[in-house]
N, C-alpha and C. Protein backbone atom coordinates (compact mmCIF):
# COMPACT_ATOMS: atom_id res chain seq x y z
N MET A 1 183.87 100.04 87.24
CA MET A 1 183.86 101.47 87.03
C MET A 1 182.41 101.90 86.76
N THR A 2 181.94 102.93 87.48
CA THR A 2 180.57 103.39 87.27
C THR A 2 180.48 104.14 85.95
N ASP A 3 179.25 104.30 85.49
CA ASP A 3 179.01 105.03 84.24
C ASP A 3 179.56 106.45 84.34
N LYS A 4 179.37 107.08 85.51
CA LYS A 4 179.85 108.46 85.69
C LYS A 4 181.37 108.51 85.64
N THR A 5 182.03 107.57 86.31
CA THR A 5 183.50 107.53 86.31
C THR A 5 184.02 107.30 84.90
N GLU A 6 183.39 106.39 84.18
CA GLU A 6 183.81 106.11 82.81
C GLU A 6 183.61 107.33 81.91
N MET A 7 182.48 108.02 82.09
CA MET A 7 182.23 109.22 81.29
C MET A 7 183.27 110.29 81.58
N ASN A 8 183.59 110.49 82.85
CA ASN A 8 184.60 111.49 83.20
C ASN A 8 185.94 111.15 82.58
N LYS A 9 186.29 109.87 82.59
CA LYS A 9 187.55 109.43 81.98
C LYS A 9 187.54 109.73 80.48
N ARG A 10 186.44 109.41 79.82
CA ARG A 10 186.34 109.67 78.38
C ARG A 10 186.43 111.16 78.08
N MET A 11 185.79 111.98 78.91
CA MET A 11 185.83 113.43 78.70
C MET A 11 187.26 113.96 78.89
N GLU A 12 187.97 113.42 79.86
CA GLU A 12 189.38 113.81 80.05
C GLU A 12 190.22 113.43 78.84
N GLU A 13 189.96 112.24 78.29
CA GLU A 13 190.68 111.82 77.09
C GLU A 13 190.37 112.74 75.92
N MET A 14 189.10 113.13 75.78
CA MET A 14 188.72 114.07 74.72
C MET A 14 189.43 115.40 74.91
N ALA A 15 189.53 115.86 76.16
CA ALA A 15 190.20 117.13 76.44
C ALA A 15 191.67 117.06 76.05
N GLY A 16 192.28 115.89 76.22
CA GLY A 16 193.67 115.72 75.81
C GLY A 16 193.84 115.77 74.30
N GLN A 17 192.83 115.29 73.57
CA GLN A 17 192.91 115.26 72.11
C GLN A 17 192.35 116.52 71.46
N LEU A 18 191.40 117.16 72.13
CA LEU A 18 190.77 118.37 71.59
C LEU A 18 190.73 119.45 72.67
N PRO A 19 191.90 119.90 73.11
CA PRO A 19 191.92 120.81 74.26
C PRO A 19 191.16 122.12 74.03
N GLY A 20 191.29 122.71 72.89
CA GLY A 20 190.61 123.97 72.63
C GLY A 20 189.10 123.81 72.60
N VAL A 21 188.64 122.77 71.93
CA VAL A 21 187.21 122.51 71.83
C VAL A 21 186.62 122.22 73.21
N MET A 22 187.26 121.35 73.96
CA MET A 22 186.73 120.97 75.26
C MET A 22 186.79 122.12 76.26
N LYS A 23 187.83 122.94 76.18
CA LYS A 23 187.91 124.12 77.05
C LYS A 23 186.76 125.07 76.72
N ALA A 24 186.49 125.26 75.44
CA ALA A 24 185.39 126.13 75.03
C ALA A 24 184.05 125.56 75.49
N LEU A 25 183.87 124.25 75.34
CA LEU A 25 182.62 123.62 75.77
C LEU A 25 182.43 123.76 77.28
N MET A 26 183.48 123.51 78.05
CA MET A 26 183.38 123.63 79.50
C MET A 26 183.13 125.08 79.92
N GLY A 27 183.74 126.02 79.22
CA GLY A 27 183.48 127.43 79.49
C GLY A 27 182.03 127.80 79.22
N LEU A 28 181.50 127.31 78.10
CA LEU A 28 180.11 127.55 77.77
C LEU A 28 179.20 126.93 78.83
N HIS A 29 179.49 125.70 79.19
CA HIS A 29 178.69 125.02 80.22
C HIS A 29 178.69 125.81 81.52
N SER A 30 179.87 126.25 81.96
CA SER A 30 179.98 127.01 83.20
C SER A 30 179.17 128.31 83.15
N GLU A 31 179.21 128.96 82.00
CA GLU A 31 178.48 130.21 81.83
C GLU A 31 176.97 129.97 81.85
N VAL A 32 176.53 128.92 81.17
CA VAL A 32 175.10 128.64 81.06
C VAL A 32 174.50 128.24 82.40
N VAL A 33 175.18 127.44 83.19
CA VAL A 33 174.57 126.91 84.41
C VAL A 33 174.61 127.86 85.60
N LYS A 34 175.17 129.03 85.43
CA LYS A 34 175.17 130.01 86.53
C LYS A 34 173.74 130.44 86.83
N ASP A 35 173.52 130.81 88.11
CA ASP A 35 172.24 131.41 88.46
C ASP A 35 172.05 132.68 87.65
N GLY A 36 170.88 132.87 87.15
CA GLY A 36 170.51 134.07 86.42
C GLY A 36 169.02 134.25 86.57
N ALA A 37 168.32 134.58 85.50
CA ALA A 37 166.86 134.65 85.55
C ALA A 37 166.31 133.29 85.95
N LEU A 38 166.98 132.21 85.53
CA LEU A 38 166.67 130.85 85.98
C LEU A 38 167.78 130.41 86.93
N SER A 39 167.42 129.69 87.96
CA SER A 39 168.42 129.18 88.89
C SER A 39 169.23 128.06 88.23
N ALA A 40 170.41 127.82 88.77
CA ALA A 40 171.24 126.72 88.28
C ALA A 40 170.48 125.40 88.41
N ARG A 41 169.72 125.23 89.50
CA ARG A 41 168.93 124.01 89.69
C ARG A 41 167.90 123.84 88.58
N THR A 42 167.21 124.91 88.26
CA THR A 42 166.22 124.85 87.18
C THR A 42 166.88 124.50 85.86
N LYS A 43 168.03 125.07 85.59
CA LYS A 43 168.74 124.78 84.34
C LYS A 43 169.18 123.32 84.29
N GLU A 44 169.62 122.77 85.41
CA GLU A 44 170.00 121.35 85.43
C GLU A 44 168.78 120.47 85.18
N LEU A 45 167.63 120.85 85.74
CA LEU A 45 166.40 120.09 85.48
C LEU A 45 166.03 120.15 84.01
N ILE A 46 166.20 121.29 83.39
CA ILE A 46 165.95 121.40 81.95
C ILE A 46 166.89 120.45 81.19
N MET A 47 168.15 120.42 81.59
CA MET A 47 169.11 119.55 80.92
C MET A 47 168.77 118.07 81.13
N VAL A 48 168.20 117.73 82.30
CA VAL A 48 167.74 116.36 82.51
C VAL A 48 166.66 116.02 81.48
N GLY A 49 165.69 116.90 81.32
CA GLY A 49 164.63 116.67 80.34
C GLY A 49 165.16 116.53 78.93
N ILE A 50 166.07 117.40 78.56
CA ILE A 50 166.66 117.34 77.22
C ILE A 50 167.44 116.04 77.04
N ALA A 51 168.18 115.64 78.06
CA ALA A 51 168.97 114.41 77.97
C ALA A 51 168.08 113.18 77.79
N VAL A 52 166.93 113.16 78.47
CA VAL A 52 165.99 112.05 78.29
C VAL A 52 165.45 112.08 76.87
N ALA A 53 165.03 113.25 76.41
CA ALA A 53 164.47 113.36 75.06
C ALA A 53 165.47 112.93 73.99
N LEU A 54 166.74 113.26 74.21
CA LEU A 54 167.79 112.89 73.24
C LEU A 54 168.36 111.50 73.50
N ARG A 55 167.92 110.87 74.59
CA ARG A 55 168.40 109.54 74.99
C ARG A 55 169.92 109.51 75.14
N CYS A 56 170.41 110.47 75.93
CA CYS A 56 171.85 110.58 76.19
C CYS A 56 172.14 110.14 77.63
N GLU A 57 172.44 108.85 77.79
CA GLU A 57 172.70 108.33 79.13
C GLU A 57 173.89 109.02 79.81
N PRO A 58 175.03 109.23 79.13
CA PRO A 58 176.11 109.94 79.80
C PRO A 58 175.69 111.33 80.28
N CYS A 59 174.84 112.00 79.52
CA CYS A 59 174.34 113.32 79.94
C CYS A 59 173.55 113.20 81.23
N LEU A 60 172.75 112.14 81.34
CA LEU A 60 171.96 111.95 82.55
C LEU A 60 172.85 111.66 83.76
N TRP A 61 173.93 110.91 83.55
CA TRP A 61 174.86 110.64 84.65
C TRP A 61 175.53 111.92 85.13
N LYS A 62 175.57 112.93 84.29
CA LYS A 62 176.11 114.23 84.70
C LYS A 62 175.03 115.09 85.34
N HIS A 63 173.89 115.22 84.68
CA HIS A 63 172.92 116.23 85.08
C HIS A 63 171.97 115.81 86.19
N VAL A 64 171.63 114.52 86.32
CA VAL A 64 170.80 114.11 87.45
C VAL A 64 171.53 114.33 88.77
N PRO A 65 172.76 113.83 88.94
CA PRO A 65 173.45 114.09 90.20
C PRO A 65 173.69 115.58 90.45
N GLU A 66 173.96 116.32 89.39
CA GLU A 66 174.17 117.77 89.56
C GLU A 66 172.89 118.44 90.05
N ALA A 67 171.75 118.06 89.47
CA ALA A 67 170.46 118.61 89.91
C ALA A 67 170.21 118.27 91.38
N VAL A 68 170.50 117.02 91.75
CA VAL A 68 170.33 116.60 93.15
C VAL A 68 171.24 117.42 94.06
N SER A 69 172.48 117.62 93.64
CA SER A 69 173.41 118.39 94.49
C SER A 69 172.96 119.84 94.66
N LEU A 70 172.17 120.33 93.72
CA LEU A 70 171.64 121.69 93.82
C LEU A 70 170.28 121.74 94.51
N GLY A 71 169.85 120.60 95.05
CA GLY A 71 168.63 120.57 95.85
C GLY A 71 167.40 120.04 95.15
N ALA A 72 167.53 119.55 93.92
CA ALA A 72 166.36 119.01 93.22
C ALA A 72 165.91 117.72 93.89
N THR A 73 164.62 117.55 93.96
CA THR A 73 164.04 116.35 94.56
C THR A 73 163.75 115.31 93.49
N ARG A 74 163.47 114.09 93.93
CA ARG A 74 163.07 113.03 93.01
C ARG A 74 161.84 113.48 92.22
N GLU A 75 160.89 114.10 92.89
CA GLU A 75 159.67 114.54 92.23
C GLU A 75 159.97 115.57 91.14
N GLU A 76 160.86 116.51 91.41
CA GLU A 76 161.21 117.51 90.41
C GLU A 76 161.92 116.87 89.21
N ILE A 77 162.81 115.93 89.50
CA ILE A 77 163.52 115.25 88.42
C ILE A 77 162.55 114.46 87.56
N MET A 78 161.62 113.76 88.20
CA MET A 78 160.64 112.99 87.43
C MET A 78 159.71 113.91 86.64
N GLU A 79 159.42 115.10 87.16
CA GLU A 79 158.62 116.05 86.39
C GLU A 79 159.40 116.54 85.17
N ALA A 80 160.71 116.73 85.32
CA ALA A 80 161.53 117.09 84.16
C ALA A 80 161.47 115.98 83.12
N VAL A 81 161.50 114.72 83.59
CA VAL A 81 161.37 113.58 82.68
C VAL A 81 160.01 113.63 81.98
N SER A 82 158.98 114.02 82.71
CA SER A 82 157.65 114.07 82.10
C SER A 82 157.59 115.09 80.97
N THR A 83 158.33 116.18 81.08
CA THR A 83 158.34 117.15 79.98
C THR A 83 159.00 116.56 78.74
N ALA A 84 160.02 115.73 78.96
CA ALA A 84 160.68 115.06 77.84
C ALA A 84 159.72 114.09 77.16
N ILE A 85 158.91 113.41 77.96
CA ILE A 85 157.94 112.47 77.39
C ILE A 85 156.95 113.21 76.50
N VAL A 86 156.48 114.37 76.95
CA VAL A 86 155.56 115.16 76.12
C VAL A 86 156.21 115.54 74.80
N MET A 87 157.47 115.92 74.86
CA MET A 87 158.16 116.40 73.66
C MET A 87 158.68 115.28 72.77
N ALA A 88 159.04 114.14 73.38
CA ALA A 88 159.69 113.08 72.59
C ALA A 88 158.89 111.78 72.55
N GLY A 89 157.77 111.70 73.24
CA GLY A 89 156.88 110.55 73.13
C GLY A 89 157.35 109.29 73.84
N GLY A 90 156.84 108.17 73.33
CA GLY A 90 157.07 106.85 73.93
C GLY A 90 158.52 106.48 74.15
N PRO A 91 159.41 106.73 73.17
CA PRO A 91 160.81 106.38 73.41
C PRO A 91 161.40 107.10 74.62
N ALA A 92 161.00 108.35 74.85
CA ALA A 92 161.49 109.07 76.02
C ALA A 92 160.94 108.47 77.30
N ALA A 93 159.69 108.00 77.28
CA ALA A 93 159.10 107.37 78.46
C ALA A 93 159.87 106.10 78.82
N ALA A 94 160.14 105.27 77.83
CA ALA A 94 160.88 104.03 78.07
C ALA A 94 162.29 104.33 78.56
N TYR A 95 162.94 105.28 77.93
CA TYR A 95 164.31 105.61 78.28
C TYR A 95 164.38 106.24 79.67
N GLY A 96 163.51 107.20 79.91
CA GLY A 96 163.50 107.87 81.21
C GLY A 96 163.23 106.91 82.34
N SER A 97 162.32 105.97 82.13
CA SER A 97 162.00 105.03 83.20
C SER A 97 163.19 104.13 83.53
N LEU A 98 163.95 103.78 82.54
CA LEU A 98 165.11 102.90 82.78
C LEU A 98 166.28 103.65 83.39
N VAL A 99 166.69 104.69 82.72
CA VAL A 99 167.95 105.33 83.08
C VAL A 99 167.81 106.24 84.30
N VAL A 100 166.83 107.10 84.31
CA VAL A 100 166.72 108.04 85.42
C VAL A 100 166.47 107.31 86.72
N GLN A 101 165.59 106.31 86.71
CA GLN A 101 165.32 105.56 87.94
C GLN A 101 166.61 104.88 88.43
N LYS A 102 167.40 104.34 87.53
CA LYS A 102 168.67 103.68 87.88
C LYS A 102 169.60 104.68 88.56
N ILE A 103 169.70 105.88 88.01
CA ILE A 103 170.58 106.90 88.57
C ILE A 103 170.06 107.35 89.94
N LEU A 104 168.76 107.62 90.03
CA LEU A 104 168.19 108.06 91.31
C LEU A 104 168.36 106.99 92.38
N GLU A 105 168.22 105.73 92.02
CA GLU A 105 168.43 104.65 92.99
C GLU A 105 169.87 104.63 93.47
N GLU A 106 170.82 104.82 92.55
CA GLU A 106 172.22 104.84 92.94
C GLU A 106 172.52 106.01 93.87
N LEU A 107 171.84 107.14 93.65
CA LEU A 107 172.04 108.34 94.48
C LEU A 107 171.23 108.30 95.78
N ASN A 108 170.38 107.25 95.92
CA ASN A 108 169.49 107.13 97.08
C ASN A 108 168.60 108.35 97.24
N VAL A 109 168.04 108.83 96.12
CA VAL A 109 167.13 109.98 96.13
C VAL A 109 165.73 109.48 95.95
């Protein structure tokens, strides 16, 4: 089972146990990622940077593929990682190099 598949399964289980909370979270997510003053692609790239800074691998398995599906390039994703490195330092560099590269390789980007 891939990390993304496992994460989706866990999120479904959470939705079964916390339906109101998860419905509210998904509603918030849907509202936030809509095109607005910032494009949905730009917002996904921001979330990639935040996920690296927070060292949230499941978040990266969600937001890197989503950014790619919205047209983000490898270069744009790596630039988002670079912003996380500025904000979070060495641990973000180590984490970003491991996880994001692994995801991009799996996506063939």
